[in-house]
Amino acid sequence: MAPRTLPLVQPSDTAPDASMLFIAGLHRSGTTLIEHWLTARYDVTYLRAPVPENEGQHLQDVYPTARMHGGPGRFAFAPEMAPPPPPKAEAAAMRERLLRCWATWRTGGKARTLVEKSPPNLTKIAWLRRVFPGARFLIVTRDPRAVSLATVKMSDLPLPDLLEHYHRAHALALRDLRPSDCHYLSYEAFTRDPEGAAARAADALGLRPRPAPPNPPLGSRP
């Protein structure tokens, strides 16, 4: 289903609210695996919709998607993908619109923290920080050679161009880095020790374990 055909705004008299956790990392960096791990184990809500990898970028009409500026291997070169922080009043309107768009597809319980994962998060951390005061960012890295090789089949670009795109995107993230609200997690560290790496990330980002379901009564069916 094409993203533009999806209903973007959930009818409601009450504006939704959320404390945002943005997962930022290029295509083929392992962000989907890490998002699934965190949302299964920690007390957060998340997005599930018939769009590529459940990415929030395809479920809103406030900012351009990666595909509008070349898609994998190209989007980080577009100035539009690294916008300056908007004025406060404009940012507040953008925040409300984005939360209304995402509310339609939000699931996972009643936790206030909403996890949103999209590759363009990597290039607009400062913009997201202004629009969502108090937001936190999990920046996922992976060996740029592995990312670039895995991206070849998603684009028609040569490896040197894909490597340059990787470094451009991560340079933008590094420019906007704040230790107070950003945490780096490498895909390689996660695959070596998923429990430990996820626990360290969760601690840095202020996530709590998802409550365990109550034990069923003795003799009941599972």
N, C-alpha and C. Protein backbone atom coordinates (compact mmCIF):
# COMPACT_ATOMS: atom_id res chain seq x y z
N MET A 1 0.86 -1.19 0.00
CA MET A 1 0.00 0.00 0.00
C MET A 1 0.89 1.24 0.00
N ALA A 2 0.62 2.18 -0.87
CA ALA A 2 1.43 3.39 -0.94
C ALA A 2 1.17 4.25 0.28
N PRO A 3 2.22 4.82 0.88
CA PRO A 3 2.04 5.62 2.09
C PRO A 3 1.02 6.75 1.93
N ARG A 4 0.93 7.34 0.73
CA ARG A 4 0.03 8.48 0.58
C ARG A 4 -1.44 8.09 0.68
N THR A 5 -1.75 6.79 0.55
CA THR A 5 -3.13 6.36 0.64
C THR A 5 -3.56 6.08 2.08
N LEU A 6 -2.65 6.11 3.02
CA LEU A 6 -2.98 5.79 4.39
C LEU A 6 -3.64 6.98 5.08
N PRO A 7 -4.59 6.73 5.98
CA PRO A 7 -5.16 7.83 6.76
C PRO A 7 -4.10 8.37 7.71
N LEU A 8 -3.84 9.68 7.64
CA LEU A 8 -2.73 10.23 8.40
C LEU A 8 -3.13 10.69 9.80
N VAL A 9 -4.32 11.18 9.96
CA VAL A 9 -4.68 11.78 11.25
C VAL A 9 -5.86 11.05 11.87
N GLN A 10 -5.69 10.66 13.11
CA GLN A 10 -6.75 10.01 13.88
C GLN A 10 -7.71 11.06 14.41
N PRO A 11 -9.01 10.97 14.07
CA PRO A 11 -9.96 11.97 14.59
C PRO A 11 -10.01 11.93 16.11
N SER A 12 -9.82 13.06 16.72
CA SER A 12 -9.85 13.14 18.18
C SER A 12 -9.92 14.59 18.60
N ASP A 13 -10.65 14.83 19.69
CA ASP A 13 -10.70 16.18 20.25
C ASP A 13 -9.50 16.45 21.15
N THR A 14 -8.77 15.40 21.51
CA THR A 14 -7.64 15.54 22.41
C THR A 14 -6.34 15.28 21.65
N ALA A 15 -5.43 16.22 21.70
CA ALA A 15 -4.16 16.03 21.03
C ALA A 15 -3.37 14.92 21.73
N PRO A 16 -2.81 13.98 20.99
CA PRO A 16 -2.02 12.92 21.62
C PRO A 16 -0.75 13.49 22.24
N ASP A 17 -0.16 12.73 23.12
CA ASP A 17 1.06 13.17 23.78
C ASP A 17 2.06 12.02 23.77
N ALA A 18 3.33 12.35 23.84
CA ALA A 18 4.35 11.31 23.86
C ALA A 18 5.68 11.92 24.25
N SER A 19 6.49 11.10 24.89
CA SER A 19 7.91 11.41 25.10
C SER A 19 8.67 10.62 24.04
N MET A 20 9.36 11.30 23.15
CA MET A 20 9.87 10.66 21.95
C MET A 20 11.27 10.06 22.13
N LEU A 21 11.43 8.86 21.58
CA LEU A 21 12.74 8.24 21.40
C LEU A 21 12.90 7.97 19.91
N PHE A 22 13.84 8.64 19.28
CA PHE A 22 14.09 8.46 17.86
C PHE A 22 15.29 7.54 17.65
N ILE A 23 15.09 6.50 16.86
CA ILE A 23 16.19 5.64 16.44
C ILE A 23 16.67 6.15 15.09
N ALA A 24 17.96 6.44 15.01
CA ALA A 24 18.55 7.04 13.82
C ALA A 24 19.67 6.15 13.29
N GLY A 25 19.60 5.81 12.03
CA GLY A 25 20.64 5.00 11.42
C GLY A 25 20.30 4.76 9.97
N LEU A 26 21.30 4.64 9.12
CA LEU A 26 21.05 4.46 7.70
C LEU A 26 20.40 3.11 7.40
N HIS A 27 19.83 3.03 6.21
CA HIS A 27 19.32 1.74 5.73
C HIS A 27 20.43 0.70 5.84
N ARG A 28 20.05 -0.50 6.24
CA ARG A 28 20.96 -1.64 6.38
C ARG A 28 21.95 -1.49 7.52
N SER A 29 21.60 -0.67 8.51
CA SER A 29 22.47 -0.51 9.68
C SER A 29 22.05 -1.37 10.86
N GLY A 30 20.93 -2.05 10.76
CA GLY A 30 20.44 -2.87 11.86
C GLY A 30 19.42 -2.19 12.73
N THR A 31 18.89 -1.05 12.29
CA THR A 31 17.95 -0.31 13.13
C THR A 31 16.65 -1.09 13.36
N THR A 32 16.19 -1.82 12.36
CA THR A 32 14.94 -2.56 12.52
C THR A 32 15.09 -3.66 13.57
N LEU A 33 16.19 -4.40 13.51
CA LEU A 33 16.45 -5.44 14.50
C LEU A 33 16.50 -4.85 15.91
N ILE A 34 17.21 -3.75 16.06
CA ILE A 34 17.36 -3.12 17.37
C ILE A 34 16.03 -2.55 17.86
N GLU A 35 15.25 -1.96 16.94
CA GLU A 35 13.93 -1.44 17.34
C GLU A 35 13.04 -2.57 17.83
N HIS A 36 13.03 -3.70 17.15
CA HIS A 36 12.20 -4.82 17.58
C HIS A 36 12.65 -5.35 18.94
N TRP A 37 13.94 -5.39 19.16
CA TRP A 37 14.47 -5.87 20.44
C TRP A 37 14.02 -4.95 21.57
N LEU A 38 14.20 -3.64 21.39
CA LEU A 38 13.86 -2.69 22.45
C LEU A 38 12.36 -2.65 22.72
N THR A 39 11.55 -2.64 21.66
CA THR A 39 10.11 -2.51 21.87
C THR A 39 9.51 -3.77 22.49
N ALA A 40 10.17 -4.91 22.31
CA ALA A 40 9.68 -6.14 22.92
C ALA A 40 10.01 -6.22 24.40
N ARG A 41 11.06 -5.54 24.84
CA ARG A 41 11.57 -5.72 26.20
C ARG A 41 11.42 -4.50 27.10
N TYR A 42 11.15 -3.35 26.52
CA TYR A 42 11.09 -2.13 27.33
C TYR A 42 9.72 -1.47 27.19
N ASP A 43 9.37 -0.71 28.23
CA ASP A 43 8.03 -0.15 28.35
C ASP A 43 7.88 1.08 27.46
N VAL A 44 7.62 0.82 26.19
CA VAL A 44 7.49 1.87 25.18
C VAL A 44 6.33 1.52 24.26
N THR A 45 5.85 2.52 23.54
CA THR A 45 4.95 2.28 22.42
C THR A 45 5.74 2.47 21.13
N TYR A 46 5.14 2.04 20.02
CA TYR A 46 5.88 2.06 18.75
C TYR A 46 4.88 2.05 17.61
N LEU A 47 5.37 2.18 16.38
CA LEU A 47 4.52 2.28 15.21
C LEU A 47 4.51 0.97 14.43
N ARG A 48 3.32 0.55 14.02
CA ARG A 48 3.17 -0.61 13.15
C ARG A 48 2.14 -0.25 12.08
N ALA A 49 2.58 -0.27 10.82
CA ALA A 49 1.73 0.14 9.71
C ALA A 49 2.22 -0.53 8.43
N PRO A 50 1.38 -0.59 7.39
CA PRO A 50 1.78 -1.20 6.13
C PRO A 50 2.64 -0.28 5.28
N VAL A 51 3.78 0.12 5.83
CA VAL A 51 4.77 0.93 5.13
C VAL A 51 6.13 0.28 5.33
N PRO A 52 7.13 0.62 4.54
CA PRO A 52 8.45 -0.01 4.69
C PRO A 52 8.99 0.10 6.11
N GLU A 53 9.26 -1.06 6.71
CA GLU A 53 9.90 -1.18 8.02
C GLU A 53 9.20 -0.37 9.11
N ASN A 54 7.89 -0.11 8.95
CA ASN A 54 7.11 0.63 9.95
C ASN A 54 7.68 2.01 10.26
N GLU A 55 8.30 2.63 9.28
CA GLU A 55 8.98 3.91 9.53
C GLU A 55 8.00 5.07 9.59
N GLY A 56 8.15 5.88 10.63
CA GLY A 56 7.27 7.03 10.81
C GLY A 56 7.38 8.06 9.71
N GLN A 57 8.51 8.09 8.99
CA GLN A 57 8.64 9.06 7.91
C GLN A 57 7.56 8.88 6.85
N HIS A 58 7.06 7.66 6.68
CA HIS A 58 6.04 7.38 5.67
C HIS A 58 4.62 7.60 6.18
N LEU A 59 4.49 8.01 7.43
CA LEU A 59 3.17 8.15 8.05
C LEU A 59 2.88 9.58 8.48
N GLN A 60 3.47 10.55 7.79
CA GLN A 60 3.30 11.94 8.16
C GLN A 60 3.44 12.81 6.92
N ASP A 61 3.05 14.09 7.07
CA ASP A 61 3.14 15.02 5.95
C ASP A 61 3.78 16.34 6.37
N VAL A 62 4.64 16.28 7.39
CA VAL A 62 5.29 17.49 7.91
C VAL A 62 6.65 17.71 7.27
N TYR A 63 7.42 16.65 7.09
CA TYR A 63 8.77 16.78 6.52
C TYR A 63 8.96 15.78 5.38
N PRO A 64 9.92 16.01 4.49
CA PRO A 64 10.11 15.12 3.34
C PRO A 64 10.68 13.77 3.76
N THR A 65 10.29 12.74 3.02
CA THR A 65 10.85 11.42 3.25
C THR A 65 12.16 11.26 2.50
N ALA A 66 12.91 10.23 2.86
CA ALA A 66 14.18 9.97 2.17
C ALA A 66 13.97 9.74 0.69
N ARG A 67 12.90 9.04 0.33
CA ARG A 67 12.68 8.71 -1.08
C ARG A 67 12.42 9.96 -1.92
N MET A 68 11.95 11.05 -1.29
CA MET A 68 11.72 12.29 -2.03
C MET A 68 13.02 12.96 -2.43
N HIS A 69 14.12 12.53 -1.83
CA HIS A 69 15.43 13.11 -2.15
C HIS A 69 16.45 12.02 -2.47
N GLY A 70 16.01 11.05 -3.26
CA GLY A 70 16.93 10.06 -3.79
C GLY A 70 16.93 8.73 -3.09
N GLY A 71 16.40 8.64 -1.87
CA GLY A 71 16.34 7.38 -1.16
C GLY A 71 17.69 6.91 -0.64
N PRO A 72 17.85 5.61 -0.39
CA PRO A 72 19.09 5.07 0.17
C PRO A 72 20.31 5.46 -0.67
N GLY A 73 21.33 5.93 0.03
CA GLY A 73 22.57 6.28 -0.64
C GLY A 73 22.63 7.69 -1.20
N ARG A 74 21.51 8.42 -1.12
CA ARG A 74 21.48 9.77 -1.70
C ARG A 74 20.92 10.85 -0.77
N PHE A 75 19.95 10.48 0.08
CA PHE A 75 19.14 11.51 0.73
C PHE A 75 19.94 12.46 1.61
N ALA A 76 21.04 12.00 2.22
CA ALA A 76 21.78 12.85 3.16
C ALA A 76 22.47 14.01 2.47
N PHE A 77 22.60 13.96 1.16
CA PHE A 77 23.23 15.07 0.43
C PHE A 77 22.26 16.22 0.18
N ALA A 78 20.97 15.99 0.35
CA ALA A 78 19.98 17.04 0.09
C ALA A 78 19.87 17.99 1.28
N PRO A 79 20.01 19.29 1.07
CA PRO A 79 19.89 20.24 2.19
C PRO A 79 18.54 20.13 2.91
N GLU A 80 17.49 19.76 2.18
CA GLU A 80 16.16 19.65 2.78
C GLU A 80 16.09 18.57 3.85
N MET A 81 17.03 17.62 3.82
CA MET A 81 17.02 16.52 4.79
C MET A 81 17.76 16.88 6.07
N ALA A 82 18.35 18.06 6.12
CA ALA A 82 19.01 18.54 7.35
C ALA A 82 18.54 19.96 7.63
N PRO A 83 17.24 20.14 7.89
CA PRO A 83 16.69 21.49 8.05
C PRO A 83 17.15 22.13 9.36
N PRO A 84 17.18 23.46 9.40
CA PRO A 84 17.49 24.14 10.65
C PRO A 84 16.31 24.02 11.61
N PRO A 85 16.56 24.12 12.90
CA PRO A 85 15.44 24.07 13.87
C PRO A 85 14.44 25.18 13.58
N PRO A 86 13.15 24.88 13.60
CA PRO A 86 12.14 25.90 13.32
C PRO A 86 11.90 26.81 14.51
N PRO A 87 11.26 27.96 14.31
CA PRO A 87 10.86 28.81 15.44
C PRO A 87 9.95 28.04 16.39
N LYS A 88 9.93 28.47 17.65
CA LYS A 88 9.23 27.72 18.69
C LYS A 88 7.75 27.52 18.38
N ALA A 89 7.05 28.58 17.94
CA ALA A 89 5.61 28.45 17.66
C ALA A 89 5.37 27.48 16.51
N GLU A 90 6.19 27.55 15.48
CA GLU A 90 6.06 26.64 14.35
C GLU A 90 6.38 25.21 14.78
N ALA A 91 7.38 25.07 15.64
CA ALA A 91 7.76 23.74 16.12
C ALA A 91 6.62 23.09 16.88
N ALA A 92 5.91 23.86 17.70
CA ALA A 92 4.80 23.31 18.47
C ALA A 92 3.70 22.78 17.56
N ALA A 93 3.40 23.51 16.48
CA ALA A 93 2.38 23.05 15.54
C ALA A 93 2.84 21.79 14.81
N MET A 94 4.12 21.74 14.47
CA MET A 94 4.66 20.54 13.81
C MET A 94 4.59 19.33 14.74
N ARG A 95 4.90 19.55 16.00
CA ARG A 95 4.85 18.46 16.97
C ARG A 95 3.45 17.88 17.06
N GLU A 96 2.45 18.76 17.20
CA GLU A 96 1.08 18.28 17.32
C GLU A 96 0.65 17.53 16.06
N ARG A 97 1.01 18.05 14.90
CA ARG A 97 0.63 17.39 13.66
C ARG A 97 1.28 16.00 13.55
N LEU A 98 2.56 15.91 13.87
CA LEU A 98 3.25 14.62 13.78
C LEU A 98 2.65 13.61 14.74
N LEU A 99 2.38 14.03 15.96
CA LEU A 99 1.81 13.10 16.93
C LEU A 99 0.41 12.64 16.51
N ARG A 100 -0.36 13.53 15.90
CA ARG A 100 -1.67 13.12 15.41
C ARG A 100 -1.53 12.11 14.26
N CYS A 101 -0.57 12.35 13.38
CA CYS A 101 -0.35 11.40 12.28
C CYS A 101 0.07 10.03 12.83
N TRP A 102 0.98 10.01 13.76
CA TRP A 102 1.51 8.75 14.27
C TRP A 102 0.54 8.04 15.21
N ALA A 103 -0.37 8.80 15.83
CA ALA A 103 -1.29 8.19 16.80
C ALA A 103 -2.13 7.08 16.16
N THR A 104 -2.45 7.21 14.89
CA THR A 104 -3.26 6.21 14.20
C THR A 104 -2.58 4.84 14.21
N TRP A 105 -1.26 4.83 14.22
CA TRP A 105 -0.50 3.59 14.07
C TRP A 105 0.29 3.22 15.32
N ARG A 106 0.00 3.87 16.42
CA ARG A 106 0.74 3.64 17.66
C ARG A 106 0.20 2.41 18.39
N THR A 107 1.08 1.56 18.85
CA THR A 107 0.67 0.34 19.54
C THR A 107 1.71 -0.01 20.59
N GLY A 108 1.46 -1.10 21.35
CA GLY A 108 2.45 -1.57 22.31
C GLY A 108 2.12 -1.31 23.75
N GLY A 109 0.93 -0.80 24.03
CA GLY A 109 0.58 -0.55 25.42
C GLY A 109 0.26 0.90 25.69
N LYS A 110 0.40 1.28 26.96
CA LYS A 110 0.02 2.63 27.38
C LYS A 110 1.20 3.47 27.82
N ALA A 111 2.41 3.01 27.58
CA ALA A 111 3.59 3.79 27.97
C ALA A 111 3.59 5.13 27.24
N ARG A 112 4.15 6.14 27.88
CA ARG A 112 4.17 7.47 27.28
C ARG A 112 5.26 7.59 26.22
N THR A 113 6.33 6.82 26.35
CA THR A 113 7.44 6.93 25.40
C THR A 113 7.06 6.27 24.08
N LEU A 114 7.21 7.02 23.00
CA LEU A 114 6.96 6.51 21.65
C LEU A 114 8.29 6.40 20.92
N VAL A 115 8.57 5.21 20.40
CA VAL A 115 9.77 4.97 19.61
C VAL A 115 9.44 5.16 18.13
N GLU A 116 10.23 5.98 17.45
CA GLU A 116 10.06 6.18 16.01
C GLU A 116 11.40 5.96 15.34
N LYS A 117 11.41 5.13 14.31
CA LYS A 117 12.65 4.76 13.62
C LYS A 117 12.53 5.09 12.14
N SER A 118 13.40 5.98 11.66
CA SER A 118 13.48 6.30 10.24
C SER A 118 14.91 6.74 9.92
N PRO A 119 15.46 6.35 8.77
CA PRO A 119 16.82 6.79 8.42
C PRO A 119 17.03 8.30 8.44
N PRO A 120 16.06 9.14 7.96
CA PRO A 120 16.31 10.58 7.98
C PRO A 120 16.47 11.18 9.37
N ASN A 121 16.10 10.45 10.43
CA ASN A 121 16.35 10.98 11.78
C ASN A 121 17.82 11.31 11.97
N LEU A 122 18.68 10.58 11.27
CA LEU A 122 20.12 10.75 11.43
C LEU A 122 20.58 12.14 11.01
N THR A 123 19.90 12.74 10.04
CA THR A 123 20.37 14.01 9.49
C THR A 123 19.63 15.22 10.05
N LYS A 124 18.65 15.01 10.91
CA LYS A 124 17.89 16.15 11.42
C LYS A 124 17.65 16.07 12.93
N ILE A 125 18.67 15.68 13.65
CA ILE A 125 18.56 15.59 15.10
C ILE A 125 18.23 16.95 15.72
N ALA A 126 18.90 18.01 15.27
CA ALA A 126 18.64 19.33 15.84
C ALA A 126 17.20 19.77 15.58
N TRP A 127 16.68 19.45 14.41
CA TRP A 127 15.29 19.79 14.07
C TRP A 127 14.33 19.03 14.96
N LEU A 128 14.54 17.75 15.11
CA LEU A 128 13.67 16.93 15.96
C LEU A 128 13.76 17.37 17.42
N ARG A 129 14.93 17.76 17.86
CA ARG A 129 15.12 18.22 19.23
C ARG A 129 14.28 19.47 19.51
N ARG A 130 14.20 20.37 18.52
CA ARG A 130 13.39 21.57 18.69
C ARG A 130 11.90 21.24 18.66
N VAL A 131 11.50 20.37 17.75
CA VAL A 131 10.08 20.04 17.61
C VAL A 131 9.59 19.21 18.79
N PHE A 132 10.46 18.35 19.32
CA PHE A 132 10.09 17.48 20.44
C PHE A 132 11.03 17.74 21.62
N PRO A 133 10.78 18.78 22.41
CA PRO A 133 11.63 19.05 23.57
C PRO A 133 11.71 17.83 24.49
N GLY A 134 12.91 17.50 24.91
CA GLY A 134 13.10 16.35 25.78
C GLY A 134 13.28 15.04 25.04
N ALA A 135 13.25 15.06 23.71
CA ALA A 135 13.43 13.83 22.94
C ALA A 135 14.81 13.24 23.18
N ARG A 136 14.89 11.91 23.01
CA ARG A 136 16.17 11.21 23.11
C ARG A 136 16.44 10.50 21.79
N PHE A 137 17.72 10.23 21.54
CA PHE A 137 18.14 9.72 20.25
C PHE A 137 19.08 8.53 20.42
N LEU A 138 18.74 7.43 19.78
CA LEU A 138 19.61 6.26 19.72
C LEU A 138 20.21 6.23 18.31
N ILE A 139 21.50 6.49 18.23
CA ILE A 139 22.19 6.57 16.95
C ILE A 139 22.88 5.24 16.69
N VAL A 140 22.42 4.54 15.66
CA VAL A 140 22.92 3.20 15.35
C VAL A 140 23.98 3.29 14.26
N THR A 141 25.13 2.74 14.52
CA THR A 141 26.21 2.71 13.54
C THR A 141 26.48 1.26 13.12
N ARG A 142 27.09 1.12 11.98
CA ARG A 142 27.57 -0.18 11.50
C ARG A 142 28.75 0.09 10.58
N ASP A 143 29.63 -0.85 10.46
CA ASP A 143 30.78 -0.70 9.56
C ASP A 143 30.29 -0.13 8.22
N PRO A 144 30.80 1.04 7.82
CA PRO A 144 30.30 1.66 6.59
C PRO A 144 30.50 0.79 5.35
N ARG A 145 31.48 -0.09 5.36
CA ARG A 145 31.66 -0.99 4.22
C ARG A 145 30.51 -1.98 4.13
N ALA A 146 30.09 -2.49 5.28
CA ALA A 146 28.96 -3.44 5.29
C ALA A 146 27.67 -2.74 4.88
N VAL A 147 27.44 -1.53 5.40
CA VAL A 147 26.24 -0.78 5.04
C VAL A 147 26.22 -0.48 3.55
N SER A 148 27.34 -0.04 3.02
CA SER A 148 27.40 0.33 1.61
C SER A 148 27.21 -0.88 0.70
N LEU A 149 27.84 -1.98 1.04
CA LEU A 149 27.67 -3.19 0.24
C LEU A 149 26.22 -3.68 0.26
N ALA A 150 25.58 -3.57 1.43
CA ALA A 150 24.20 -4.00 1.54
C ALA A 150 23.23 -3.05 0.85
N THR A 151 23.67 -1.82 0.61
CA THR A 151 22.80 -0.82 -0.01
C THR A 151 22.90 -0.86 -1.53
N VAL A 152 23.88 -1.54 -2.07
CA VAL A 152 24.06 -1.58 -3.52
C VAL A 152 22.79 -2.04 -4.22
N LYS A 153 22.16 -3.08 -3.69
CA LYS A 153 20.96 -3.61 -4.35
C LYS A 153 19.75 -2.70 -4.20
N MET A 154 19.85 -1.67 -3.34
CA MET A 154 18.75 -0.73 -3.16
C MET A 154 18.94 0.52 -4.01
N SER A 155 20.09 0.65 -4.66
CA SER A 155 20.38 1.84 -5.45
C SER A 155 21.23 1.44 -6.65
N ASP A 156 21.49 2.39 -7.51
CA ASP A 156 22.34 2.13 -8.67
C ASP A 156 23.67 2.86 -8.53
N LEU A 157 24.08 3.10 -7.29
CA LEU A 157 25.28 3.89 -7.04
C LEU A 157 26.50 3.00 -6.84
N PRO A 158 27.69 3.48 -7.21
CA PRO A 158 28.92 2.73 -6.94
C PRO A 158 29.29 2.82 -5.47
N LEU A 159 30.11 1.87 -5.03
CA LEU A 159 30.49 1.83 -3.62
C LEU A 159 31.12 3.13 -3.11
N PRO A 160 32.03 3.78 -3.84
CA PRO A 160 32.59 5.03 -3.30
C PRO A 160 31.53 6.08 -2.98
N ASP A 161 30.49 6.17 -3.81
CA ASP A 161 29.42 7.14 -3.54
C ASP A 161 28.63 6.75 -2.30
N LEU A 162 28.39 5.46 -2.12
CA LEU A 162 27.65 5.01 -0.95
C LEU A 162 28.46 5.22 0.33
N LEU A 163 29.75 5.01 0.26
CA LEU A 163 30.60 5.27 1.42
C LEU A 163 30.60 6.76 1.76
N GLU A 164 30.66 7.60 0.73
CA GLU A 164 30.63 9.04 0.97
C GLU A 164 29.30 9.46 1.60
N HIS A 165 28.21 8.84 1.15
CA HIS A 165 26.91 9.15 1.73
C HIS A 165 26.85 8.74 3.20
N TYR A 166 27.40 7.59 3.53
CA TYR A 166 27.45 7.16 4.93
C TYR A 166 28.14 8.21 5.79
N HIS A 167 29.30 8.65 5.34
CA HIS A 167 30.06 9.61 6.14
C HIS A 167 29.37 10.97 6.21
N ARG A 168 28.68 11.36 5.15
CA ARG A 168 27.93 12.61 5.18
C ARG A 168 26.81 12.54 6.22
N ALA A 169 26.05 11.46 6.21
CA ALA A 169 24.93 11.32 7.14
C ALA A 169 25.42 11.31 8.58
N HIS A 170 26.47 10.57 8.85
CA HIS A 170 26.96 10.48 10.23
C HIS A 170 27.69 11.75 10.66
N ALA A 171 28.25 12.48 9.72
CA ALA A 171 28.84 13.78 10.07
C ALA A 171 27.76 14.75 10.53
N LEU A 172 26.60 14.71 9.90
CA LEU A 172 25.48 15.55 10.32
C LEU A 172 25.00 15.17 11.71
N ALA A 173 24.95 13.86 11.98
CA ALA A 173 24.55 13.42 13.32
C ALA A 173 25.57 13.86 14.36
N LEU A 174 26.83 13.73 14.04
CA LEU A 174 27.89 14.12 14.98
C LEU A 174 27.85 15.61 15.25
N ARG A 175 27.52 16.40 14.24
CA ARG A 175 27.41 17.85 14.41
C ARG A 175 26.38 18.21 15.47
N ASP A 176 25.28 17.45 15.51
CA ASP A 176 24.17 17.76 16.42
C ASP A 176 24.20 16.95 17.71
N LEU A 177 25.27 16.20 17.92
CA LEU A 177 25.35 15.31 19.08
C LEU A 177 25.35 16.08 20.39
N ARG A 178 24.57 15.58 21.35
CA ARG A 178 24.63 16.04 22.74
C ARG A 178 24.67 14.80 23.62
N PRO A 179 25.68 14.65 24.43
CA PRO A 179 25.74 13.47 25.31
C PRO A 179 24.54 13.36 26.24
N SER A 180 23.86 14.47 26.52
CA SER A 180 22.74 14.44 27.45
C SER A 180 21.51 13.73 26.89
N ASP A 181 21.37 13.70 25.56
CA ASP A 181 20.16 13.07 25.00
C ASP A 181 20.45 12.09 23.86
N CYS A 182 21.72 11.83 23.59
CA CYS A 182 22.08 10.92 22.49
C CYS A 182 22.89 9.74 23.03
N HIS A 183 22.66 8.59 22.46
CA HIS A 183 23.43 7.39 22.81
C HIS A 183 23.78 6.66 21.53
N TYR A 184 25.06 6.33 21.37
CA TYR A 184 25.52 5.56 20.21
C TYR A 184 25.47 4.07 20.53
N LEU A 185 25.04 3.30 19.54
CA LEU A 185 25.03 1.84 19.65
C LEU A 185 25.48 1.26 18.32
N SER A 186 26.55 0.49 18.34
CA SER A 186 27.01 -0.12 17.10
C SER A 186 26.32 -1.47 16.89
N TYR A 187 26.02 -1.74 15.65
CA TYR A 187 25.39 -3.01 15.29
C TYR A 187 26.30 -4.17 15.68
N GLU A 188 27.59 -3.99 15.52
CA GLU A 188 28.54 -5.05 15.85
C GLU A 188 28.52 -5.35 17.35
N ALA A 189 28.48 -4.30 18.17
CA ALA A 189 28.40 -4.52 19.62
C ALA A 189 27.09 -5.19 20.00
N PHE A 190 26.02 -4.81 19.34
CA PHE A 190 24.72 -5.41 19.64
C PHE A 190 24.70 -6.89 19.29
N THR A 191 25.24 -7.26 18.15
CA THR A 191 25.21 -8.67 17.75
C THR A 191 26.13 -9.52 18.62
N ARG A 192 27.18 -8.92 19.17
CA ARG A 192 28.07 -9.67 20.07
C ARG A 192 27.40 -9.92 21.42
N ASP A 193 26.67 -8.94 21.90
CA ASP A 193 26.06 -9.03 23.24
C ASP A 193 24.75 -8.25 23.24
N PRO A 194 23.70 -8.81 22.64
CA PRO A 194 22.45 -8.05 22.53
C PRO A 194 21.86 -7.64 23.88
N GLU A 195 21.87 -8.55 24.85
CA GLU A 195 21.31 -8.22 26.17
C GLU A 195 22.07 -7.06 26.80
N GLY A 196 23.39 -7.17 26.82
CA GLY A 196 24.20 -6.14 27.47
C GLY A 196 24.14 -4.81 26.74
N ALA A 197 24.26 -4.85 25.41
CA ALA A 197 24.24 -3.61 24.63
C ALA A 197 22.88 -2.91 24.75
N ALA A 198 21.81 -3.68 24.69
CA ALA A 198 20.48 -3.08 24.83
C ALA A 198 20.26 -2.52 26.22
N ALA A 199 20.75 -3.22 27.23
CA ALA A 199 20.59 -2.74 28.61
C ALA A 199 21.33 -1.43 28.83
N ARG A 200 22.53 -1.33 28.26
CA ARG A 200 23.28 -0.08 28.40
C ARG A 200 22.58 1.06 27.68
N ALA A 201 22.06 0.78 26.50
CA ALA A 201 21.32 1.81 25.77
C ALA A 201 20.07 2.22 26.53
N ALA A 202 19.34 1.25 27.04
CA ALA A 202 18.11 1.55 27.78
C ALA A 202 18.40 2.39 29.02
N ASP A 203 19.49 2.06 29.71
CA ASP A 203 19.86 2.83 30.89
C ASP A 203 20.19 4.27 30.53
N ALA A 204 20.95 4.45 29.44
CA ALA A 204 21.33 5.80 29.01
C ALA A 204 20.12 6.61 28.55
N LEU A 205 19.14 5.94 27.99
CA LEU A 205 17.97 6.62 27.43
C LEU A 205 16.79 6.68 28.38
N GLY A 206 16.95 6.12 29.57
CA GLY A 206 15.89 6.19 30.58
C GLY A 206 14.72 5.26 30.34
N LEU A 207 14.97 4.12 29.70
CA LEU A 207 13.90 3.16 29.46
C LEU A 207 13.78 2.18 30.61
N ARG A 208 12.55 1.78 30.91
CA ARG A 208 12.29 0.79 31.95
C ARG A 208 11.84 -0.52 31.31
N PRO A 209 12.18 -1.66 31.93
CA PRO A 209 11.72 -2.94 31.36
C PRO A 209 10.21 -2.99 31.25
N ARG A 210 9.74 -3.66 30.25
CA ARG A 210 8.30 -3.84 30.08
C ARG A 210 7.77 -4.70 31.22
N PRO A 211 6.67 -4.32 31.85
CA PRO A 211 6.14 -5.11 32.97
C PRO A 211 5.84 -6.55 32.52
N ALA A 212 6.20 -7.50 33.38
CA ALA A 212 5.93 -8.90 33.08
C ALA A 212 4.44 -9.17 33.24
N PRO A 213 3.85 -9.98 32.37
CA PRO A 213 2.43 -10.31 32.53
C PRO A 213 2.21 -11.11 33.80
N PRO A 214 1.05 -10.99 34.41
CA PRO A 214 0.79 -11.75 35.65
C PRO A 214 0.76 -13.25 35.37
N ASN A 215 1.14 -14.04 36.37
CA ASN A 215 1.09 -15.48 36.22
C ASN A 215 -0.36 -15.94 36.10
N PRO A 216 -0.65 -16.85 35.17
CA PRO A 216 -2.05 -17.34 35.06
C PRO A 216 -2.40 -18.22 36.25
N PRO A 217 -3.66 -18.32 36.59
CA PRO A 217 -4.06 -19.21 37.69
C PRO A 217 -3.66 -20.63 37.40
N LEU A 218 -3.36 -21.37 38.46
CA LEU A 218 -2.98 -22.77 38.30
C LEU A 218 -4.10 -23.54 37.61
N GLY A 219 -3.72 -24.36 36.67
CA GLY A 219 -4.68 -25.18 35.96
C GLY A 219 -5.31 -24.49 34.78
N SER A 220 -5.02 -23.22 34.54
CA SER A 220 -5.62 -22.53 33.40
C SER A 220 -4.83 -22.84 32.14
N ARG A 221 -5.46 -22.63 30.99
CA ARG A 221 -4.77 -22.85 29.73
C ARG A 221 -3.78 -21.73 29.49
N PRO A 222 -2.60 -22.01 28.87
CA PRO A 222 -1.63 -20.95 28.59
C PRO A 222 -2.15 -20.02 27.52
